Amino acid sequence: MYELWVDQTTRFFTWVNAWFWFQAMVKTMAMTVIGCGIGAILGYILVYIRRTPGWFWFWARWPMIGYVEIFRRIPFLVLLFLVLFVLQGIGLDVSL
């Protein structure tokens, strides 16, 4: 078993694979920065509208409160699965 692992390790740890790992790391970090940035901006807008006093923002405050109260209780992984299966259900080809 150990000899098989050593034999396959030399094929797995190559410069070509290291380049693919680096590209995957860069893409993952870019998606993380973009996602966190968009989430922070949308979260700030959501909190600002939700916390604004007065009757002028009353029409927007109640949907924001409903959105927060509904999605606060759904775990993120479940939400990802729901989005994945809904997108596949409407005909978009989204891979895991």
Protein backbone atom coordinates (compact mmCIF):
# COMPACT_ATOMS: atom_id res chain seq x y z
CA MET A 1 0.00 0.00 0.00
CA TYR A 2 2.81 2.39 0.93
CA GLU A 3 4.72 1.63 -2.25
CA LEU A 4 1.63 2.43 -4.33
CA TRP A 5 1.24 5.76 -2.52
CA VAL A 6 4.89 6.66 -3.11
CA ASP A 7 4.65 5.65 -6.77
CA GLN A 8 1.55 7.77 -7.40
CA THR A 9 2.84 10.76 -5.41
CA THR A 10 5.49 11.51 -7.99
CA ARG A 11 2.81 11.62 -10.70
CA PHE A 12 0.46 13.76 -8.64
CA PHE A 13 2.88 16.44 -7.40
CA THR A 14 4.05 17.89 -10.71
CA TRP A 15 4.56 21.48 -11.86
CA VAL A 16 1.53 21.21 -14.14
CA ASN A 17 -0.69 20.21 -11.22
CA ALA A 18 0.86 22.92 -9.06
CA TRP A 19 -0.08 25.48 -11.74
CA PHE A 20 -3.69 24.21 -11.70
CA TRP A 21 -3.73 24.47 -7.90
CA PHE A 22 -2.45 28.04 -8.10
CA GLN A 23 -5.11 28.98 -10.66
CA ALA A 24 -7.82 27.40 -8.52
CA MET A 25 -6.54 29.27 -5.46
CA VAL A 26 -6.56 32.61 -7.30
CA LYS A 27 -10.10 32.03 -8.63
CA THR A 28 -11.33 30.98 -5.19
CA MET A 29 -9.82 34.05 -3.54
CA ALA A 30 -11.25 36.34 -6.24
CA MET A 31 -14.73 34.86 -5.83
CA THR A 32 -14.40 35.20 -2.06
CA VAL A 33 -13.43 38.87 -2.26
CA ILE A 34 -16.18 39.65 -4.78
CA GLY A 35 -18.80 37.71 -2.82
CA CYS A 36 -17.87 39.26 0.51
CA GLY A 37 -17.78 42.74 -1.04
CA ILE A 38 -21.20 42.40 -2.65
CA GLY A 39 -22.57 40.83 0.54
CA ALA A 40 -21.21 43.66 2.68
CA ILE A 41 -22.67 46.34 0.41
CA LEU A 42 -26.08 44.66 0.18
CA GLY A 43 -26.04 43.96 3.93
CA TYR A 44 -25.28 47.59 4.69
CA ILE A 45 -28.17 48.73 2.47
CA LEU A 46 -30.48 46.19 4.09
CA VAL A 47 -29.54 47.33 7.60
CA TYR A 48 -29.80 50.99 6.67
CA ILE A 49 -33.31 50.60 5.25
CA ARG A 50 -34.37 48.37 8.13
CA ARG A 51 -33.15 50.77 10.82
CA THR A 52 -34.34 54.04 9.22
CA PRO A 53 -37.12 55.58 11.31
CA GLY A 54 -40.18 57.30 9.95
CA TRP A 55 -43.01 56.57 7.58
CA PHE A 56 -41.13 57.35 4.38
CA TRP A 57 -39.25 53.99 4.39
CA PHE A 58 -42.19 52.01 5.82
CA TRP A 59 -42.94 50.39 2.44
CA ALA A 60 -39.37 49.01 2.21
CA ARG A 61 -38.81 48.21 5.89
CA TRP A 62 -41.35 45.38 6.21
CA PRO A 63 -40.03 43.33 3.23
CA MET A 64 -36.49 43.76 4.60
CA ILE A 65 -37.55 42.53 8.03
CA GLY A 66 -39.36 39.58 6.45
CA TYR A 67 -36.32 38.71 4.32
CA VAL A 68 -33.99 38.78 7.31
CA GLU A 69 -36.32 36.77 9.55
CA ILE A 70 -36.88 34.07 6.92
CA PHE A 71 -33.28 33.60 5.78
CA ARG A 72 -31.76 33.95 9.25
CA ARG A 73 -33.11 30.55 10.22
CA ILE A 74 -32.03 28.63 7.10
CA PRO A 75 -28.50 27.15 7.27
CA PHE A 76 -26.23 28.36 4.48
CA LEU A 77 -25.57 24.88 3.08
CA VAL A 78 -29.31 24.20 2.81
CA LEU A 79 -29.72 27.54 1.04
CA LEU A 80 -26.97 26.59 -1.44
CA PHE A 81 -28.71 23.30 -2.19
CA LEU A 82 -32.04 25.06 -2.66
CA VAL A 83 -30.51 27.54 -5.11
CA LEU A 84 -28.73 24.74 -6.98
CA PHE A 85 -31.84 22.60 -7.38
CA VAL A 86 -34.08 25.54 -8.29
CA LEU A 87 -31.61 26.63 -10.99
CA GLN A 88 -31.44 23.08 -12.34
CA GLY A 89 -35.23 22.83 -12.14
CA ILE A 90 -35.75 25.88 -14.36
CA GLY A 91 -33.40 24.45 -16.97
CA LEU A 92 -30.04 26.08 -16.28
CA ASP A 93 -27.12 23.65 -16.47
CA VAL A 94 -25.30 24.32 -13.20
CA SER A 95 -22.69 21.83 -12.08
CA LEU A 96 -21.88 21.07 -8.49
